[in-house]
């Protein structure tokens, strides 16, 4: 396994998290690797505050252009870190360690990113990247999560066939019938060896209780799940001779 990573000092944590598969190099992006069919996948990671700055100065798009010039086929942005919308003013906020003013103890508090930015603008940018620029956006909580995403994508791109989306949904049959059982089914369920499950088969076969009582054991034995012995017991229970 070979995942090439940037050897810059701020990427040392990513190199460590990726483990022995990481190959540090002077690189045009944070991480890149090749797929089994020769495509080059580039992954750029940004912390929330860093990406907010990039939205203002265009630095991330400049880096994406560098990936395109390096003949990368697929570009990924991994947004690293938690964030939220301030419920009062709509500003983009990130958690930091500070002092809770109520308890005066060290705790995680939410603060606006610097430079300040509206959550709506930040979200719009994340939507525009795949929609307008063809750059896929993923999210992780921390560097460990970023490494896990890269490793999972590397594994996915090494396999030529993918079947996860080639499925047709088939809803499971309900285990509880929300309809009242017919008279045929209720009578059949009381017969020896029939019970609840097989009574449904009986009710589907016989149009009436009269037809069920008049049937010979051979007809009963032809129903799914009912053998000769059960059929003979049923006929005898209905007052017929076998």
C-alpha atoms as a PDB file:
ATOM      1  CA  UNK A   1       0.000   0.000   0.000  1.00  0.00           C
ATOM      2  CA  UNK A   2       1.302   3.432  -0.950  1.00  0.00           C
ATOM      3  CA  UNK A   3      -0.442   6.637   0.067  1.00  0.00           C
ATOM      4  CA  UNK A   4       1.727   9.636  -0.695  1.00  0.00           C
ATOM      5  CA  UNK A   5       1.472  12.461   1.822  1.00  0.00           C
ATOM      6  CA  UNK A   6       2.858  15.940   2.201  1.00  0.00           C
ATOM      7  CA  UNK A   7       6.016  16.085   4.278  1.00  0.00           C
ATOM      8  CA  UNK A   8       5.272  19.548   5.659  1.00  0.00           C
ATOM      9  CA  UNK A   9       5.427  19.922   9.460  1.00  0.00           C
ATOM     10  CA  UNK A  10       1.665  20.521   9.810  1.00  0.00           C
ATOM     11  CA  UNK A  11       0.992  17.140   8.166  1.00  0.00           C
ATOM     12  CA  UNK A  12       3.028  15.057  10.594  1.00  0.00           C
ATOM     13  CA  UNK A  13      -0.090  14.118  12.556  1.00  0.00           C
ATOM     14  CA  UNK A  14      -1.705  12.770   9.372  1.00  0.00           C
ATOM     15  CA  UNK A  15       1.423  10.767   8.499  1.00  0.00           C
ATOM     16  CA  UNK A  16       1.399   9.244  11.976  1.00  0.00           C
ATOM     17  CA  UNK A  17      -2.327   8.436  11.792  1.00  0.00           C
ATOM     18  CA  UNK A  18      -1.974   6.762   8.373  1.00  0.00           C
ATOM     19  CA  UNK A  19       0.766   4.495   9.675  1.00  0.00           C
ATOM     20  CA  UNK A  20       3.279   2.504   7.647  1.00  0.00           C
ATOM     21  CA  UNK A  21       1.370   2.979   4.387  1.00  0.00           C
ATOM     22  CA  UNK A  22       2.170   6.700   4.298  1.00  0.00           C
ATOM     23  CA  UNK A  23       5.051   7.856   2.083  1.00  0.00           C
ATOM     24  CA  UNK A  24       5.995  11.489   2.908  1.00  0.00           C
ATOM     25  CA  UNK A  25       7.102  13.542  -0.109  1.00  0.00           C
ATOM     26  CA  UNK A  26       7.235  17.160  -1.253  1.00  0.00           C
ATOM     27  CA  UNK A  27       3.679  16.998  -2.576  1.00  0.00           C
ATOM     28  CA  UNK A  28       1.168  19.303  -4.294  1.00  0.00           C
ATOM     29  CA  UNK A  29      -1.614  18.188  -1.891  1.00  0.00           C
ATOM     30  CA  UNK A  30      -2.027  16.633   1.552  1.00  0.00           C
ATOM     31  CA  UNK A  31      -2.443  13.034   0.318  1.00  0.00           C
ATOM     32  CA  UNK A  32      -2.814  11.208  -2.968  1.00  0.00           C
ATOM     33  CA  UNK A  33      -2.848   7.674  -4.347  1.00  0.00           C
ATOM     34  CA  UNK A  34      -3.630   5.746  -7.514  1.00  0.00           C
ATOM     35  CA  UNK A  35      -6.650   3.554  -8.209  1.00  0.00           C
ATOM     36  CA  UNK A  36      -6.507   0.048  -9.660  1.00  0.00           C
ATOM     37  CA  UNK A  37      -7.296   1.482 -13.107  1.00  0.00           C
ATOM     38  CA  UNK A  38      -4.605   4.155 -12.977  1.00  0.00           C
ATOM     39  CA  UNK A  39      -6.621   7.183 -11.871  1.00  0.00           C
ATOM     40  CA  UNK A  40      -4.971   9.637  -9.469  1.00  0.00           C
ATOM     41  CA  UNK A  41      -6.979  10.662  -6.397  1.00  0.00           C
ATOM     42  CA  UNK A  42      -5.929  13.759  -4.451  1.00  0.00           C
ATOM     43  CA  UNK A  43      -7.202  14.581  -0.950  1.00  0.00           C
ATOM     44  CA  UNK A  44      -6.860  17.981   0.642  1.00  0.00           C
ATOM     45  CA  UNK A  45      -7.802  18.375   4.304  1.00  0.00           C
ATOM     46  CA  UNK A  46      -8.891  21.622   5.890  1.00  0.00           C
ATOM     47  CA  UNK A  47      -9.847  22.491   9.413  1.00  0.00           C
ATOM     48  CA  UNK A  48     -13.040  24.524   9.694  1.00  0.00           C
ATOM     49  CA  UNK A  49     -11.348  27.837  10.442  1.00  0.00           C
ATOM     50  CA  UNK A  50      -8.759  27.294   7.720  1.00  0.00           C
ATOM     51  CA  UNK A  51     -11.449  26.591   5.134  1.00  0.00           C
ATOM     52  CA  UNK A  52     -13.365  29.703   6.209  1.00  0.00           C
ATOM     53  CA  UNK A  53     -10.209  31.717   5.504  1.00  0.00           C
ATOM     54  CA  UNK A  54      -9.874  29.940   2.141  1.00  0.00           C
ATOM     55  CA  UNK A  55     -13.392  30.982   1.200  1.00  0.00           C
ATOM     56  CA  UNK A  56     -12.331  34.601   1.626  1.00  0.00           C
ATOM     57  CA  UNK A  57      -8.966  34.472  -0.120  1.00  0.00           C
ATOM     58  CA  UNK A  58      -9.482  31.673  -2.697  1.00  0.00           C
ATOM     59  CA  UNK A  59      -6.503  29.619  -1.484  1.00  0.00           C
ATOM     60  CA  UNK A  60      -8.256  26.261  -1.631  1.00  0.00           C
ATOM     61  CA  UNK A  61      -9.358  26.796  -5.221  1.00  0.00           C
ATOM     62  CA  UNK A  62      -5.760  27.704  -6.050  1.00  0.00           C
ATOM     63  CA  UNK A  63      -4.661  24.394  -4.502  1.00  0.00           C
ATOM     64  CA  UNK A  64      -7.370  22.538  -6.443  1.00  0.00           C
ATOM     65  CA  UNK A  65      -6.101  24.114  -9.648  1.00  0.00           C
ATOM     66  CA  UNK A  66      -2.640  22.808  -8.766  1.00  0.00           C
ATOM     67  CA  UNK A  67      -4.085  19.303  -8.412  1.00  0.00           C
ATOM     68  CA  UNK A  68      -5.702  19.614 -11.839  1.00  0.00           C
ATOM     69  CA  UNK A  69      -2.410  20.765 -13.345  1.00  0.00           C
ATOM     70  CA  UNK A  70      -0.772  17.676 -11.785  1.00  0.00           C
ATOM     71  CA  UNK A  71      -3.248  15.529 -13.788  1.00  0.00           C
ATOM     72  CA  UNK A  72      -5.298  14.389 -10.792  1.00  0.00           C
ATOM     73  CA  UNK A  73      -8.491  12.690 -11.899  1.00  0.00           C
ATOM     74  CA  UNK A  74     -10.477  12.979  -8.667  1.00  0.00           C
ATOM     75  CA  UNK A  75     -10.252  15.726  -6.050  1.00  0.00           C
ATOM     76  CA  UNK A  76     -11.432  15.346  -2.452  1.00  0.00           C
ATOM     77  CA  UNK A  77     -11.826  17.866   0.313  1.00  0.00           C
ATOM     78  CA  UNK A  78     -11.898  16.420   3.828  1.00  0.00           C
ATOM     79  CA  UNK A  79     -13.306  18.973   6.238  1.00  0.00           C
ATOM     80  CA  UNK A  80     -11.774  18.251   9.635  1.00  0.00           C
ATOM     81  CA  UNK A  81     -13.386  19.304  12.888  1.00  0.00           C
ATOM     82  CA  UNK A  82     -16.780  19.918  14.444  1.00  0.00           C
ATOM     83  CA  UNK A  83     -18.797  23.034  13.750  1.00  0.00           C
ATOM     84  CA  UNK A  84     -22.287  24.432  14.222  1.00  0.00           C
ATOM     85  CA  UNK A  85     -24.573  27.390  13.562  1.00  0.00           C
ATOM     86  CA  UNK A  86     -24.968  29.855  16.418  1.00  0.00           C
ATOM     87  CA  UNK A  87     -28.714  29.807  17.169  1.00  0.00           C
ATOM     88  CA  UNK A  88     -28.825  33.562  17.837  1.00  0.00           C
ATOM     89  CA  UNK A  89     -26.807  35.262  15.106  1.00  0.00           C
ATOM     90  CA  UNK A  90     -26.226  32.443  12.598  1.00  0.00           C
ATOM     91  CA  UNK A  91     -22.434  32.651  12.800  1.00  0.00           C
ATOM     92  CA  UNK A  92     -20.247  29.628  12.110  1.00  0.00           C
ATOM     93  CA  UNK A  93     -18.820  28.326  15.388  1.00  0.00           C
ATOM     94  CA  UNK A  94     -16.209  25.740  16.408  1.00  0.00           C
ATOM     95  CA  UNK A  95     -15.559  24.187  19.841  1.00  0.00           C
ATOM     96  CA  UNK A  96     -12.529  25.353  21.805  1.00  0.00           C
ATOM     97  CA  UNK A  97     -11.317  24.754  25.326  1.00  0.00           C
ATOM     98  CA  UNK A  98     -12.016  27.622  27.664  1.00  0.00           C
ATOM     99  CA  UNK A  99     -13.614  28.468  31.009  1.00  0.00           C
ATOM    100  CA  UNK A 100     -17.305  27.926  31.608  1.00  0.00           C
ATOM    101  CA  UNK A 101     -18.507  31.245  33.100  1.00  0.00           C
ATOM    102  CA  UNK A 102     -21.126  29.512  35.236  1.00  0.00           C
ATOM    103  CA  UNK A 103     -18.871  26.898  36.832  1.00  0.00           C
ATOM    104  CA  UNK A 104     -15.519  28.675  36.333  1.00  0.00           C
ATOM    105  CA  UNK A 105     -14.061  25.350  35.281  1.00  0.00           C
ATOM    106  CA  UNK A 106     -12.214  24.404  32.138  1.00  0.00           C
ATOM    107  CA  UNK A 107     -14.728  23.174  29.552  1.00  0.00           C
ATOM    108  CA  UNK A 108     -15.463  23.028  25.851  1.00  0.00           C
ATOM    109  CA  UNK A 109     -17.120  26.221  24.637  1.00  0.00           C
ATOM    110  CA  UNK A 110     -18.255  27.321  21.178  1.00  0.00           C
ATOM    111  CA  UNK A 111     -16.680  30.356  19.569  1.00  0.00           C
ATOM    112  CA  UNK A 112     -17.060  31.994  16.142  1.00  0.00           C
ATOM    113  CA  UNK A 113     -14.328  31.151  13.666  1.00  0.00           C
ATOM    114  CA  UNK A 114     -11.860  33.826  12.690  1.00  0.00           C
ATOM    115  CA  UNK A 115     -12.536  35.484  10.347  1.00  0.00           C
ATOM    116  CA  UNK A 116     -16.205  35.438  11.276  1.00  0.00           C
ATOM    117  CA  UNK A 117     -18.508  33.922   8.704  1.00  0.00           C
ATOM    118  CA  UNK A 118     -22.168  33.105   8.432  1.00  0.00           C
ATOM    119  CA  UNK A 119     -22.955  29.397   8.689  1.00  0.00           C
ATOM    120  CA  UNK A 120     -25.148  29.720   5.584  1.00  0.00           C
ATOM    121  CA  UNK A 121     -22.261  31.013   3.484  1.00  0.00           C
ATOM    122  CA  UNK A 122     -19.973  28.228   4.706  1.00  0.00           C
ATOM    123  CA  UNK A 123     -22.598  25.587   3.913  1.00  0.00           C
ATOM    124  CA  UNK A 124     -23.213  27.079   0.474  1.00  0.00           C
ATOM    125  CA  UNK A 125     -19.510  26.832  -0.326  1.00  0.00           C
ATOM    126  CA  UNK A 126     -19.459  23.150   0.677  1.00  0.00           C
ATOM    127  CA  UNK A 127     -22.399  22.539  -1.661  1.00  0.00           C
ATOM    128  CA  UNK A 128     -20.856  24.474  -4.551  1.00  0.00           C
ATOM    129  CA  UNK A 129     -17.642  22.446  -4.515  1.00  0.00           C
ATOM    130  CA  UNK A 130     -19.190  19.169  -5.760  1.00  0.00           C
ATOM    131  CA  UNK A 131     -22.017  20.810  -7.696  1.00  0.00           C
ATOM    132  CA  UNK A 132     -19.996  23.405  -9.613  1.00  0.00           C
ATOM    133  CA  UNK A 133     -16.366  22.265  -9.345  1.00  0.00           C
ATOM    134  CA  UNK A 134     -16.647  18.453  -9.190  1.00  0.00           C
ATOM    135  CA  UNK A 135     -14.757  18.334  -5.882  1.00  0.00           C
ATOM    136  CA  UNK A 136     -16.105  15.724  -3.472  1.00  0.00           C
ATOM    137  CA  UNK A 137     -16.532  16.814   0.154  1.00  0.00           C
ATOM    138  CA  UNK A 138     -16.185  14.487   3.150  1.00  0.00           C
ATOM    139  CA  UNK A 139     -16.181  15.301   6.854  1.00  0.00           C
ATOM    140  CA  UNK A 140     -14.251  13.977   9.844  1.00  0.00           C
ATOM    141  CA  UNK A 141     -14.077  14.978  13.495  1.00  0.00           C
ATOM    142  CA  UNK A 142     -10.300  14.842  13.804  1.00  0.00           C
ATOM    143  CA  UNK A 143      -7.075  13.655  12.174  1.00  0.00           C
ATOM    144  CA  UNK A 144      -7.809  10.032  13.128  1.00  0.00           C
ATOM    145  CA  UNK A 145     -11.103  10.278  11.294  1.00  0.00           C
ATOM    146  CA  UNK A 146      -9.385  11.871   8.305  1.00  0.00           C
ATOM    147  CA  UNK A 147      -6.870   9.035   8.125  1.00  0.00           C
ATOM    148  CA  UNK A 148      -9.659   6.457   8.376  1.00  0.00           C
ATOM    149  CA  UNK A 149     -11.479   8.098   5.456  1.00  0.00           C
ATOM    150  CA  UNK A 150      -8.347   8.110   3.310  1.00  0.00           C
ATOM    151  CA  UNK A 151      -7.598   4.466   4.127  1.00  0.00           C
ATOM    152  CA  UNK A 152     -11.178   3.429   3.358  1.00  0.00           C
ATOM    153  CA  UNK A 153     -11.136   5.304   0.043  1.00  0.00           C
ATOM    154  CA  UNK A 154      -7.784   3.791  -0.865  1.00  0.00           C
ATOM    155  CA  UNK A 155      -9.242   0.346  -0.281  1.00  0.00           C
ATOM    156  CA  UNK A 156     -12.342   1.194  -2.353  1.00  0.00           C
ATOM    157  CA  UNK A 157     -10.293   2.454  -5.288  1.00  0.00           C
ATOM    158  CA  UNK A 158      -8.179  -0.702  -5.349  1.00  0.00           C
ATOM    159  CA  UNK A 159     -11.198  -2.913  -6.156  1.00  0.00           C
ATOM    160  CA  UNK A 160     -12.411  -2.977  -9.771  1.00  0.00           C
ATOM    161  CA  UNK A 161     -16.039  -3.958  -9.144  1.00  0.00           C
ATOM    162  CA  UNK A 162     -18.518  -2.293  -6.809  1.00  0.00           C
ATOM    163  CA  UNK A 163     -21.927  -3.827  -6.158  1.00  0.00           C
ATOM    164  CA  UNK A 164     -23.347  -1.781  -3.260  1.00  0.00           C
ATOM    165  CA  UNK A 165     -25.648   0.303  -5.480  1.00  0.00           C
ATOM    166  CA  UNK A 166     -26.696  -2.551  -7.752  1.00  0.00           C
ATOM    167  CA  UNK A 167     -29.589  -3.528  -5.540  1.00  0.00           C
ATOM    168  CA  UNK A 168     -33.361  -3.513  -5.785  1.00  0.00           C
ATOM    169  CA  UNK A 169     -35.194  -2.956  -2.534  1.00  0.00           C
ATOM    170  CA  UNK A 170     -37.596  -5.710  -1.560  1.00  0.00           C
ATOM    171  CA  UNK A 171     -39.593  -4.844   1.552  1.00  0.00           C
ATOM    172  CA  UNK A 172     -39.887  -7.760   3.969  1.00  0.00           C
ATOM    173  CA  UNK A 173     -43.232  -9.440   4.246  1.00  0.00           C
ATOM    174  CA  UNK A 174     -45.145  -8.287   7.333  1.00  0.00           C
ATOM    175  CA  UNK A 175     -45.001 -10.756  10.187  1.00  0.00           C
ATOM    176  CA  UNK A 176     -48.277  -9.511  11.660  1.00  0.00           C
ATOM    177  CA  UNK A 177     -51.359  -9.422   9.444  1.00  0.00           C
ATOM    178  CA  UNK A 178     -53.351  -6.267  10.148  1.00  0.00           C
ATOM    179  CA  UNK A 179     -56.552  -7.914   8.826  1.00  0.00           C
ATOM    180  CA  UNK A 180     -59.009 -10.124  10.623  1.00  0.00           C
ATOM    181  CA  UNK A 181     -58.472 -13.827   9.811  1.00  0.00           C
ATOM    182  CA  UNK A 182     -61.168 -15.474   7.746  1.00  0.00           C
ATOM    183  CA  UNK A 183     -63.467 -18.100   9.195  1.00  0.00           C
ATOM    184  CA  UNK A 184     -61.600 -20.767   7.207  1.00  0.00           C
ATOM    185  CA  UNK A 185     -58.300 -19.725   8.753  1.00  0.00           C
ATOM    186  CA  UNK A 186     -59.684 -19.560  12.267  1.00  0.00           C
ATOM    187  CA  UNK A 187     -61.152 -23.060  11.994  1.00  0.00           C
ATOM    188  CA  UNK A 188     -58.024 -24.433  10.326  1.00  0.00           C
ATOM    189  CA  UNK A 189     -55.759 -23.051  13.040  1.00  0.00           C
ATOM    190  CA  UNK A 190     -57.533 -25.292  15.592  1.00  0.00           C
ATOM    191  CA  UNK A 191     -56.913 -28.486  13.613  1.00  0.00           C
ATOM    192  CA  UNK A 192     -54.101 -30.882  14.710  1.00  0.00           C
ATOM    193  CA  UNK A 193     -50.745 -30.045  13.153  1.00  0.00           C
ATOM    194  CA  UNK A 194     -51.966 -26.870  11.421  1.00  0.00           C
ATOM    195  CA  UNK A 195     -51.700 -23.937  13.851  1.00  0.00           C
ATOM    196  CA  UNK A 196     -51.226 -20.274  12.962  1.00  0.00           C
ATOM    197  CA  UNK A 197     -48.585 -20.538  10.208  1.00  0.00           C
ATOM    198  CA  UNK A 198     -50.138 -23.361   8.149  1.00  0.00           C
ATOM    199  CA  UNK A 199     -53.654 -21.986   8.564  1.00  0.00           C
ATOM    200  CA  UNK A 200     -52.718 -19.265   6.068  1.00  0.00           C
ATOM    201  CA  UNK A 201     -51.887 -21.902   3.448  1.00  0.00           C
ATOM    202  CA  UNK A 202     -55.165 -23.701   4.161  1.00  0.00           C
ATOM    203  CA  UNK A 203     -57.203 -20.488   3.897  1.00  0.00           C
ATOM    204  CA  UNK A 204     -55.569 -19.659   0.574  1.00  0.00           C
ATOM    205  CA  UNK A 205     -56.534 -23.087  -0.815  1.00  0.00           C
ATOM    206  CA  UNK A 206     -60.066 -23.707   0.448  1.00  0.00           C
ATOM    207  CA  UNK A 207     -62.806 -21.211  -0.459  1.00  0.00           C
ATOM    208  CA  UNK A 208     -65.053 -22.173   2.461  1.00  0.00           C
ATOM    209  CA  UNK A 209     -65.254 -24.230   5.633  1.00  0.00           C
ATOM    210  CA  UNK A 210     -67.609 -26.624   3.799  1.00  0.00           C
ATOM    211  CA  UNK A 211     -64.960 -27.256   1.098  1.00  0.00           C
ATOM    212  CA  UNK A 212     -62.287 -27.723   3.746  1.00  0.00           C
ATOM    213  CA  UNK A 213     -64.374 -30.299   5.648  1.00  0.00           C
ATOM    214  CA  UNK A 214     -65.304 -32.190   2.461  1.00  0.00           C
ATOM    215  CA  UNK A 215     -61.719 -32.561   1.205  1.00  0.00           C
ATOM    216  CA  UNK A 216     -59.999 -35.973   1.231  1.00  0.00           C
ATOM    217  CA  UNK A 217     -56.712 -36.413   3.046  1.00  0.00           C
ATOM    218  CA  UNK A 218     -54.859 -36.593  -0.313  1.00  0.00           C
ATOM    219  CA  UNK A 219     -55.894 -33.000  -1.062  1.00  0.00           C
ATOM    220  CA  UNK A 220     -54.729 -31.889   2.364  1.00  0.00           C
ATOM    221  CA  UNK A 221     -51.409 -33.677   1.884  1.00  0.00           C
ATOM    222  CA  UNK A 222     -50.855 -31.709  -1.330  1.00  0.00           C
ATOM    223  CA  UNK A 223     -50.709 -28.407   0.542  1.00  0.00           C
ATOM    224  CA  UNK A 224     -47.276 -26.973   1.291  1.00  0.00           C
ATOM    225  CA  UNK A 225     -45.979 -28.005   4.710  1.00  0.00           C
ATOM    226  CA  UNK A 226     -48.679 -30.616   5.332  1.00  0.00           C
ATOM    227  CA  UNK A 227     -47.613 -34.237   4.947  1.00  0.00           C
ATOM    228  CA  UNK A 228     -49.593 -37.483   4.856  1.00  0.00           C
ATOM    229  CA  UNK A 229     -49.705 -38.053   8.610  1.00  0.00           C
ATOM    230  CA  UNK A 230     -50.885 -34.519   9.370  1.00  0.00           C
ATOM    231  CA  UNK A 231     -53.442 -34.714   6.554  1.00  0.00           C
ATOM    232  CA  UNK A 232     -54.928 -37.924   7.925  1.00  0.00           C
ATOM    233  CA  UNK A 233     -55.117 -36.482  11.447  1.00  0.00           C
ATOM    234  CA  UNK A 234     -56.904 -33.392  10.113  1.00  0.00           C
ATOM    235  CA  UNK A 235     -59.474 -35.427   8.170  1.00  0.00           C
ATOM    236  CA  UNK A 236     -60.140 -37.608  11.207  1.00  0.00           C
ATOM    237  CA  UNK A 237     -60.552 -34.501  13.392  1.00  0.00           C
ATOM    238  CA  UNK A 238     -63.170 -33.285  10.915  1.00  0.00           C
ATOM    239  CA  UNK A 239     -65.108 -36.555  11.371  1.00  0.00           C
ATOM    240  CA  UNK A 240     -64.067 -38.217   8.147  1.00  0.00           C
ATOM    241  CA  UNK A 241     -62.637 -41.678   7.553  1.00  0.00           C
ATOM    242  CA  UNK A 242     -59.219 -41.942   5.881  1.00  0.00           C
END
